[in-house]
Amino acid sequence: MNTEKLNNLHFSAACLLRGLRLLARPGLRHLVWIPLLINLVLYGIALAGGIHYFSVFMNWLVPAWLDFLRWLLWPIFGLSFLLIMYFTFTVLANLIGAPFYGRLAESTIVLMKGRPEPVSEGSFSKALISGSLSEAKRLMYFLARAIPLLILFLIPGLNLIAPLLWLAFSAWFLALEYMAYPLEAQGFEFDEQRRIAKRLPFGVVGFGGLVTLGLTVPVLNVLIPPAAVIGATLYFLEGQSGNQPDIGLAKR
């Protein structure tokens, strides 16, 4: 594994941008349109809910005696609310779309290596079960850390730093989320995926940070999840050493 290359923010950002360009690539686009439809529906619901409940959220967090600070707190808590809403719906969308994302990562590896696509040994129902179980395991990891962070929003004083902590956690978790698919395609389980990610903090968190930012932009947020799967696959595929046959990661 070329650690120096993989731990580079510029390289991870370039892979994500290439993932966006490859969404319409023959060989991949048939695996993209169903996740795009899922994302479109769920993010539409998130946007409508966000517009409707934002004022309620602000009134709840900012008591009347702090109204004079509302102008300062509005952008801080507004960004937090947006991130929480879209992050939650992203986790739900990924849970539903996990089988498609797993196959998308596998097809990206095949396409980039220039080999004919192998005959799948498992049925779609098997991929559905396997992908959903993996996603459920990541969901448990997410909940164990997200709930304490959300509690910080309710504690006066600490809720001022809660948005920054949530942003950092979002970047880390979303990187784990989308990088899981190419790593699972190579047989790496969740614990091993986390070990790999910890060795590449700048590349991984940079990738996740850009994904998080993209999820807050209407229209782009519909395209970001499948693009992130393709981008994460390119990230590991092209970060390999020249003498390794897989995506460049050796199990310990």
C-alpha atoms as a PDB file:
ATOM      1  CA  MET A   1       0.000   0.000   0.000  1.00  0.00           C
ATOM      2  CA  ASN A   2       1.287   3.435  -0.949  1.00  0.00           C
ATOM      3  CA  THR A   3       0.543   5.109   2.406  1.00  0.00           C
ATOM      4  CA  GLU A   4       1.956   8.472   1.381  1.00  0.00           C
ATOM      5  CA  LYS A   5      -0.329   8.663  -1.647  1.00  0.00           C
ATOM      6  CA  LEU A   6      -3.429   7.432   0.196  1.00  0.00           C
ATOM      7  CA  ASN A   7      -2.863   9.829   3.101  1.00  0.00           C
ATOM      8  CA  ASN A   8      -3.013  12.822   0.764  1.00  0.00           C
ATOM      9  CA  LEU A   9      -6.079  15.087   0.795  1.00  0.00           C
ATOM     10  CA  HIS A  10      -5.568  16.163  -2.813  1.00  0.00           C
ATOM     11  CA  PHE A  11      -5.546  12.542  -3.989  1.00  0.00           C
ATOM     12  CA  SER A  12      -8.712  11.591  -2.070  1.00  0.00           C
ATOM     13  CA  ALA A  13     -10.497  14.725  -3.357  1.00  0.00           C
ATOM     14  CA  ALA A  14      -9.484  13.912  -6.929  1.00  0.00           C
ATOM     15  CA  CYS A  15     -10.884  10.389  -6.558  1.00  0.00           C
ATOM     16  CA  LEU A  16     -14.225  11.739  -5.341  1.00  0.00           C
ATOM     17  CA  LEU A  17     -14.460  14.132  -8.305  1.00  0.00           C
ATOM     18  CA  ARG A  18     -13.645  11.288 -10.697  1.00  0.00           C
ATOM     19  CA  GLY A  19     -16.360   9.252  -9.013  1.00  0.00           C
ATOM     20  CA  LEU A  20     -18.871  11.943  -9.988  1.00  0.00           C
ATOM     21  CA  ARG A  21     -17.703  11.856 -13.604  1.00  0.00           C
ATOM     22  CA  LEU A  22     -17.954   8.054 -13.763  1.00  0.00           C
ATOM     23  CA  LEU A  23     -21.598   7.857 -12.672  1.00  0.00           C
ATOM     24  CA  ALA A  24     -22.763   7.690 -16.293  1.00  0.00           C
ATOM     25  CA  ARG A  25     -20.009   5.305 -17.395  1.00  0.00           C
ATOM     26  CA  PRO A  26     -21.259   2.193 -19.235  1.00  0.00           C
ATOM     27  CA  GLY A  27     -20.814  -0.762 -16.916  1.00  0.00           C
ATOM     28  CA  LEU A  28     -21.633   1.340 -13.830  1.00  0.00           C
ATOM     29  CA  ARG A  29     -24.694   3.426 -14.606  1.00  0.00           C
ATOM     30  CA  HIS A  30     -27.121   0.479 -14.410  1.00  0.00           C
ATOM     31  CA  LEU A  31     -26.096   0.132 -10.736  1.00  0.00           C
ATOM     32  CA  VAL A  32     -26.477   3.852 -10.063  1.00  0.00           C
ATOM     33  CA  TRP A  33     -30.028   4.775 -10.999  1.00  0.00           C
ATOM     34  CA  ILE A  34     -31.815   2.886  -8.184  1.00  0.00           C
ATOM     35  CA  PRO A  35     -29.622   4.424  -5.418  1.00  0.00           C
ATOM     36  CA  LEU A  36     -30.125   7.822  -7.092  1.00  0.00           C
ATOM     37  CA  LEU A  37     -33.895   7.357  -6.916  1.00  0.00           C
ATOM     38  CA  ILE A  38     -33.662   6.326  -3.244  1.00  0.00           C
ATOM     39  CA  ASN A  39     -31.515   9.356  -2.471  1.00  0.00           C
ATOM     40  CA  LEU A  40     -33.822  11.704  -4.369  1.00  0.00           C
ATOM     41  CA  VAL A  41     -36.860  10.609  -2.359  1.00  0.00           C
ATOM     42  CA  LEU A  42     -35.144  10.599   1.042  1.00  0.00           C
ATOM     43  CA  TYR A  43     -33.252  13.874   0.620  1.00  0.00           C
ATOM     44  CA  GLY A  44     -36.447  15.496  -0.636  1.00  0.00           C
ATOM     45  CA  ILE A  45     -38.134  14.442   2.596  1.00  0.00           C
ATOM     46  CA  ALA A  46     -35.130  15.708   4.600  1.00  0.00           C
ATOM     47  CA  LEU A  47     -35.243  19.103   2.869  1.00  0.00           C
ATOM     48  CA  ALA A  48     -38.986  19.498   3.407  1.00  0.00           C
ATOM     49  CA  GLY A  49     -38.669  18.441   7.049  1.00  0.00           C
ATOM     50  CA  GLY A  50     -35.718  20.740   7.591  1.00  0.00           C
ATOM     51  CA  ILE A  51     -37.567  23.776   6.263  1.00  0.00           C
ATOM     52  CA  HIS A  52     -40.625  22.964   8.354  1.00  0.00           C
ATOM     53  CA  TYR A  53     -38.915  22.199  11.658  1.00  0.00           C
ATOM     54  CA  PHE A  54     -35.895  24.502  11.643  1.00  0.00           C
ATOM     55  CA  SER A  55     -37.585  27.381  13.459  1.00  0.00           C
ATOM     56  CA  VAL A  56     -38.941  24.953  16.049  1.00  0.00           C
ATOM     57  CA  PHE A  57     -35.428  23.556  16.502  1.00  0.00           C
ATOM     58  CA  MET A  58     -33.943  27.044  16.984  1.00  0.00           C
ATOM     59  CA  ASN A  59     -36.630  28.107  19.479  1.00  0.00           C
ATOM     60  CA  TRP A  60     -35.984  24.941  21.445  1.00  0.00           C
ATOM     61  CA  LEU A  61     -32.191  25.369  21.561  1.00  0.00           C
ATOM     62  CA  VAL A  62     -32.035  29.131  22.093  1.00  0.00           C
ATOM     63  CA  PRO A  63     -34.056  30.298  25.139  1.00  0.00           C
ATOM     64  CA  ALA A  64     -35.717  33.701  25.196  1.00  0.00           C
ATOM     65  CA  TRP A  65     -33.021  35.227  27.411  1.00  0.00           C
ATOM     66  CA  LEU A  66     -30.431  34.501  24.704  1.00  0.00           C
ATOM     67  CA  ASP A  67     -32.385  36.177  21.905  1.00  0.00           C
ATOM     68  CA  PHE A  68     -29.734  38.891  21.664  1.00  0.00           C
ATOM     69  CA  LEU A  69     -27.263  36.163  20.554  1.00  0.00           C
ATOM     70  CA  ARG A  70     -29.624  34.559  18.060  1.00  0.00           C
ATOM     71  CA  TRP A  71     -27.886  36.274  15.129  1.00  0.00           C
ATOM     72  CA  LEU A  72     -24.605  34.617  16.186  1.00  0.00           C
ATOM     73  CA  LEU A  73     -26.024  31.211  17.068  1.00  0.00           C
ATOM     74  CA  TRP A  74     -28.277  30.949  14.013  1.00  0.00           C
ATOM     75  CA  PRO A  75     -25.526  29.992  11.497  1.00  0.00           C
ATOM     76  CA  ILE A  76     -23.855  27.643  14.004  1.00  0.00           C
ATOM     77  CA  PHE A  77     -26.997  25.720  14.909  1.00  0.00           C
ATOM     78  CA  GLY A  78     -28.365  26.086  11.369  1.00  0.00           C
ATOM     79  CA  LEU A  79     -25.373  24.244   9.952  1.00  0.00           C
ATOM     80  CA  SER A  80     -25.646  21.659  12.722  1.00  0.00           C
ATOM     81  CA  PHE A  81     -29.311  21.059  11.987  1.00  0.00           C
ATOM     82  CA  LEU A  82     -28.591  20.701   8.271  1.00  0.00           C
ATOM     83  CA  LEU A  83     -25.766  18.244   8.915  1.00  0.00           C
ATOM     84  CA  ILE A  84     -27.803  16.158  11.343  1.00  0.00           C
ATOM     85  CA  MET A  85     -30.797  15.993   9.002  1.00  0.00           C
ATOM     86  CA  TYR A  86     -28.842  15.028   5.901  1.00  0.00           C
ATOM     87  CA  PHE A  87     -26.489  12.744   7.805  1.00  0.00           C
ATOM     88  CA  THR A  88     -29.412  10.812   9.303  1.00  0.00           C
ATOM     89  CA  PHE A  89     -31.114  10.415   5.940  1.00  0.00           C
ATOM     90  CA  THR A  90     -27.789   9.412   4.368  1.00  0.00           C
ATOM     91  CA  VAL A  91     -27.414   6.564   6.857  1.00  0.00           C
ATOM     92  CA  LEU A  92     -30.981   5.449   6.053  1.00  0.00           C
ATOM     93  CA  ALA A  93     -30.385   5.718   2.296  1.00  0.00           C
ATOM     94  CA  ASN A  94     -27.184   3.686   2.588  1.00  0.00           C
ATOM     95  CA  LEU A  95     -28.951   1.008   4.611  1.00  0.00           C
ATOM     96  CA  ILE A  96     -31.484   0.617   1.795  1.00  0.00           C
ATOM     97  CA  GLY A  97     -28.949   0.930  -1.028  1.00  0.00           C
ATOM     98  CA  ALA A  98     -26.146  -1.194   0.485  1.00  0.00           C
ATOM     99  CA  PRO A  99     -26.553  -4.179  -1.923  1.00  0.00           C
ATOM    100  CA  PHE A 100     -26.347  -1.866  -4.934  1.00  0.00           C
ATOM    101  CA  TYR A 101     -23.309  -0.042  -3.548  1.00  0.00           C
ATOM    102  CA  GLY A 102     -21.497  -3.321  -2.930  1.00  0.00           C
ATOM    103  CA  ARG A 103     -21.979  -4.341  -6.547  1.00  0.00           C
ATOM    104  CA  LEU A 104     -21.074  -0.841  -7.710  1.00  0.00           C
ATOM    105  CA  ALA A 105     -17.702  -1.116  -5.943  1.00  0.00           C
ATOM    106  CA  GLU A 106     -17.080  -4.571  -7.439  1.00  0.00           C
ATOM    107  CA  SER A 107     -17.988  -3.367 -10.946  1.00  0.00           C
ATOM    108  CA  THR A 108     -15.707  -0.330 -10.559  1.00  0.00           C
ATOM    109  CA  ILE A 109     -12.783  -2.608  -9.685  1.00  0.00           C
ATOM    110  CA  VAL A 110     -13.540  -4.767 -12.725  1.00  0.00           C
ATOM    111  CA  LEU A 111     -13.881  -1.731 -15.003  1.00  0.00           C
ATOM    112  CA  MET A 112     -10.637  -0.103 -13.836  1.00  0.00           C
ATOM    113  CA  LYS A 113      -8.650  -3.321 -14.078  1.00  0.00           C
ATOM    114  CA  GLY A 114      -9.939  -3.922 -17.610  1.00  0.00           C
ATOM    115  CA  ARG A 115     -10.977  -7.508 -16.988  1.00  0.00           C
ATOM    116  CA  PRO A 116     -14.224  -9.185 -18.030  1.00  0.00           C
ATOM    117  CA  GLU A 117     -16.738  -9.212 -15.222  1.00  0.00           C
ATOM    118  CA  PRO A 118     -16.642 -12.547 -13.408  1.00  0.00           C
ATOM    119  CA  VAL A 119     -19.776 -14.597 -12.925  1.00  0.00           C
ATOM    120  CA  SER A 120     -21.202 -13.795  -9.520  1.00  0.00           C
ATOM    121  CA  GLU A 121     -21.262 -16.745  -7.173  1.00  0.00           C
ATOM    122  CA  GLY A 122     -24.036 -15.283  -5.049  1.00  0.00           C
ATOM    123  CA  SER A 123     -27.584 -14.310  -5.937  1.00  0.00           C
ATOM    124  CA  PHE A 124     -28.936 -10.824  -5.512  1.00  0.00           C
ATOM    125  CA  SER A 125     -30.814 -11.975  -2.424  1.00  0.00           C
ATOM    126  CA  LYS A 126     -27.515 -13.108  -0.897  1.00  0.00           C
ATOM    127  CA  ALA A 127     -25.955  -9.733  -1.722  1.00  0.00           C
ATOM    128  CA  LEU A 128     -28.998  -8.045  -0.199  1.00  0.00           C
ATOM    129  CA  ILE A 129     -28.608  -9.935   3.083  1.00  0.00           C
ATOM    130  CA  SER A 130     -24.827  -9.525   3.238  1.00  0.00           C
ATOM    131  CA  GLY A 131     -24.913  -5.821   2.385  1.00  0.00           C
ATOM    132  CA  SER A 132     -27.702  -5.113   4.844  1.00  0.00           C
ATOM    133  CA  LEU A 133     -25.905  -6.943   7.673  1.00  0.00           C
ATOM    134  CA  SER A 134     -22.707  -4.993   7.055  1.00  0.00           C
ATOM    135  CA  GLU A 135     -24.653  -1.752   6.964  1.00  0.00           C
ATOM    136  CA  ALA A 136     -26.425  -2.673  10.207  1.00  0.00           C
ATOM    137  CA  LYS A 137     -23.050  -3.220  11.893  1.00  0.00           C
ATOM    138  CA  ARG A 138     -21.901   0.227  10.792  1.00  0.00           C
ATOM    139  CA  LEU A 139     -25.217   1.626  12.013  1.00  0.00           C
ATOM    140  CA  MET A 140     -24.549   0.265  15.499  1.00  0.00           C
ATOM    141  CA  TYR A 141     -21.097   1.880  15.429  1.00  0.00           C
ATOM    142  CA  PHE A 142     -22.731   5.136  14.359  1.00  0.00           C
ATOM    143  CA  LEU A 143     -25.417   5.127  17.069  1.00  0.00           C
ATOM    144  CA  ALA A 144     -22.943   4.352  19.864  1.00  0.00           C
ATOM    145  CA  ARG A 145     -21.099   7.588  19.046  1.00  0.00           C
ATOM    146  CA  ALA A 146     -23.805   9.797  17.581  1.00  0.00           C
ATOM    147  CA  ILE A 147     -26.138   9.657  20.580  1.00  0.00           C
ATOM    148  CA  PRO A 148     -23.564  11.099  23.064  1.00  0.00           C
ATOM    149  CA  LEU A 149     -22.704  13.806  20.527  1.00  0.00           C
ATOM    150  CA  LEU A 150     -26.360  14.724  20.095  1.00  0.00           C
ATOM    151  CA  ILE A 151     -26.723  14.997  23.879  1.00  0.00           C
ATOM    152  CA  LEU A 152     -24.026  17.695  23.823  1.00  0.00           C
ATOM    153  CA  PHE A 153     -26.411  19.907  21.822  1.00  0.00           C
ATOM    154  CA  LEU A 154     -28.692  19.966  24.878  1.00  0.00           C
ATOM    155  CA  ILE A 155     -26.027  21.089  27.365  1.00  0.00           C
ATOM    156  CA  PRO A 156     -25.603  24.884  27.604  1.00  0.00           C
ATOM    157  CA  GLY A 157     -22.028  25.903  26.872  1.00  0.00           C
ATOM    158  CA  LEU A 158     -21.038  22.553  25.451  1.00  0.00           C
ATOM    159  CA  ASN A 159     -23.603  22.944  22.682  1.00  0.00           C
ATOM    160  CA  LEU A 160     -21.361  25.669  21.224  1.00  0.00           C
ATOM    161  CA  ILE A 161     -18.642  23.131  20.393  1.00  0.00           C
ATOM    162  CA  ALA A 162     -21.089  20.323  19.547  1.00  0.00           C
ATOM    163  CA  PRO A 163     -21.367  21.392  15.858  1.00  0.00           C
ATOM    164  CA  LEU A 164     -17.597  21.129  15.386  1.00  0.00           C
ATOM    165  CA  LEU A 165     -17.499  17.700  17.022  1.00  0.00           C
ATOM    166  CA  TRP A 166     -20.429  16.558  14.906  1.00  0.00           C
ATOM    167  CA  LEU A 167     -18.742  17.802  11.740  1.00  0.00           C
ATOM    168  CA  ALA A 168     -15.540  15.875  12.575  1.00  0.00           C
ATOM    169  CA  PHE A 169     -17.524  12.736  13.396  1.00  0.00           C
ATOM    170  CA  SER A 170     -19.545  13.063  10.180  1.00  0.00           C
ATOM    171  CA  ALA A 171     -16.373  13.245   8.096  1.00  0.00           C
ATOM    172  CA  TRP A 172     -14.880  10.199   9.814  1.00  0.00           C
ATOM    173  CA  PHE A 173     -17.994   8.037   9.705  1.00  0.00           C
ATOM    174  CA  LEU A 174     -18.967   8.848   6.116  1.00  0.00           C
ATOM    175  CA  ALA A 175     -15.441   7.992   5.003  1.00  0.00           C
ATOM    176  CA  LEU A 176     -15.760   4.635   6.783  1.00  0.00           C
ATOM    177  CA  GLU A 177     -19.188   4.179   5.236  1.00  0.00           C
ATOM    178  CA  TYR A 178     -18.227   4.611   1.605  1.00  0.00           C
ATOM    179  CA  MET A 179     -14.766   3.082   1.858  1.00  0.00           C
ATOM    180  CA  ALA A 180     -16.332  -0.040   3.353  1.00  0.00           C
ATOM    181  CA  TYR A 181     -17.720  -1.172  -0.007  1.00  0.00           C
ATOM    182  CA  PRO A 182     -14.418  -1.561  -1.921  1.00  0.00           C
ATOM    183  CA  LEU A 183     -12.758  -3.006   1.197  1.00  0.00           C
ATOM    184  CA  GLU A 184     -15.560  -5.544   1.672  1.00  0.00           C
ATOM    185  CA  ALA A 185     -15.175  -6.504  -1.983  1.00  0.00           C
ATOM    186  CA  GLN A 186     -11.636  -7.576  -1.039  1.00  0.00           C
ATOM    187  CA  GLY A 187     -12.754  -9.485   2.064  1.00  0.00           C
ATOM    188  CA  PHE A 188     -11.950  -6.948   4.785  1.00  0.00           C
ATOM    189  CA  GLU A 189     -14.318  -6.920   7.767  1.00  0.00           C
ATOM    190  CA  PHE A 190     -15.394  -3.781   9.647  1.00  0.00           C
ATOM    191  CA  ASP A 191     -12.705  -3.931  12.361  1.00  0.00           C
ATOM    192  CA  GLU A 192     -10.009  -4.260   9.711  1.00  0.00           C
ATOM    193  CA  GLN A 193     -11.535  -1.403   7.728  1.00  0.00           C
ATOM    194  CA  ARG A 194     -11.255   0.859  10.767  1.00  0.00           C
ATOM    195  CA  ARG A 195      -7.619  -0.171  11.280  1.00  0.00           C
ATOM    196  CA  ILE A 196      -6.827   0.742   7.669  1.00  0.00           C
ATOM    197  CA  ALA A 197      -8.635   4.089   7.968  1.00  0.00           C
ATOM    198  CA  LYS A 198      -6.736   5.003  11.140  1.00  0.00           C
ATOM    199  CA  ARG A 199      -3.471   4.590   9.253  1.00  0.00           C
ATOM    200  CA  LEU A 200      -4.618   7.189   6.686  1.00  0.00           C
ATOM    201  CA  PRO A 201      -6.147  10.028   8.743  1.00  0.00           C
ATOM    202  CA  PHE A 202      -5.632  12.919   6.309  1.00  0.00           C
ATOM    203  CA  GLY A 203      -6.783  11.095   3.200  1.00  0.00           C
ATOM    204  CA  VAL A 204      -9.730   9.405   4.901  1.00  0.00           C
ATOM    205  CA  VAL A 205     -11.045  12.378   6.900  1.00  0.00           C
ATOM    206  CA  GLY A 206     -10.450  14.672   3.925  1.00  0.00           C
ATOM    207  CA  PHE A 207     -12.506  12.357   1.731  1.00  0.00           C
ATOM    208  CA  GLY A 208     -15.260  12.172   4.347  1.00  0.00           C
ATOM    209  CA  GLY A 209     -15.218  15.925   4.865  1.00  0.00           C
ATOM    210  CA  LEU A 210     -15.797  16.581   1.160  1.00  0.00           C
ATOM    211  CA  VAL A 211     -18.599  14.002   1.127  1.00  0.00           C
ATOM    212  CA  THR A 212     -20.179  15.726   4.140  1.00  0.00           C
ATOM    213  CA  LEU A 213     -19.952  19.094   2.409  1.00  0.00           C
ATOM    214  CA  GLY A 214     -21.436  17.672  -0.786  1.00  0.00           C
ATOM    215  CA  LEU A 215     -24.395  16.241   1.115  1.00  0.00           C
ATOM    216  CA  THR A 216     -25.440  19.750   2.195  1.00  0.00           C
ATOM    217  CA  VAL A 217     -25.735  20.992  -1.412  1.00  0.00           C
ATOM    218  CA  PRO A 218     -29.158  20.388  -3.004  1.00  0.00           C
ATOM    219  CA  VAL A 219     -29.092  18.225  -6.160  1.00  0.00           C
ATOM    220  CA  LEU A 220     -25.421  17.380  -5.607  1.00  0.00           C
ATOM    221  CA  ASN A 221     -26.373  15.481  -2.452  1.00  0.00           C
ATOM    222  CA  VAL A 222     -28.362  13.015  -4.563  1.00  0.00           C
ATOM    223  CA  LEU A 223     -25.273  12.211  -6.645  1.00  0.00           C
ATOM    224  CA  ILE A 224     -22.696  12.159  -3.857  1.00  0.00           C
ATOM    225  CA  PRO A 225     -23.386   8.697  -2.298  1.00  0.00           C
ATOM    226  CA  PRO A 226     -22.850   6.559  -5.448  1.00  0.00           C
ATOM    227  CA  ALA A 227     -20.035   8.884  -6.544  1.00  0.00           C
ATOM    228  CA  ALA A 228     -18.398   8.376  -3.132  1.00  0.00           C
ATOM    229  CA  VAL A 229     -18.558   4.590  -3.549  1.00  0.00           C
ATOM    230  CA  ILE A 230     -16.858   4.835  -6.950  1.00  0.00           C
ATOM    231  CA  GLY A 231     -14.392   7.421  -5.644  1.00  0.00           C
ATOM    232  CA  ALA A 232     -13.483   5.324  -2.605  1.00  0.00           C
ATOM    233  CA  THR A 233     -12.899   2.335  -4.891  1.00  0.00           C
ATOM    234  CA  LEU A 234     -10.579   4.389  -7.090  1.00  0.00           C
ATOM    235  CA  TYR A 235      -8.853   5.688  -3.965  1.00  0.00           C
ATOM    236  CA  PHE A 236      -7.774   2.223  -2.836  1.00  0.00           C
ATOM    237  CA  LEU A 237      -7.350   0.755  -6.308  1.00  0.00           C
ATOM    238  CA  GLU A 238      -4.914   3.455  -7.433  1.00  0.00           C
ATOM    239  CA  GLY A 239      -3.190   3.705  -4.074  1.00  0.00           C
ATOM    240  CA  GLN A 240      -1.792   0.213  -4.405  1.00  0.00           C
ATOM    241  CA  SER A 241       1.832  -0.705  -4.871  1.00  0.00           C
ATOM    242  CA  GLY A 242       2.687  -1.874  -8.325  1.00  0.00           C
ATOM    243  CA  ASN A 243       3.506  -5.439  -7.304  1.00  0.00           C
ATOM    244  CA  GLN A 244       0.257  -6.206  -5.500  1.00  0.00           C
ATOM    245  CA  PRO A 245      -2.618  -7.940  -7.291  1.00  0.00           C
ATOM    246  CA  ASP A 246      -5.456  -6.686  -5.073  1.00  0.00           C
ATOM    247  CA  ILE A 247      -6.340  -3.114  -4.098  1.00  0.00           C
ATOM    248  CA  GLY A 248      -3.069  -2.689  -2.284  1.00  0.00           C
ATOM    249  CA  LEU A 249      -3.961  -3.685   1.266  1.00  0.00           C
ATOM    250  CA  ALA A 250      -2.484  -6.713   2.933  1.00  0.00           C
ATOM    251  CA  LYS A 251      -4.258  -8.283   5.869  1.00  0.00           C
ATOM    252  CA  ARG A 252      -2.322  -8.645   9.054  1.00  0.00           C
END
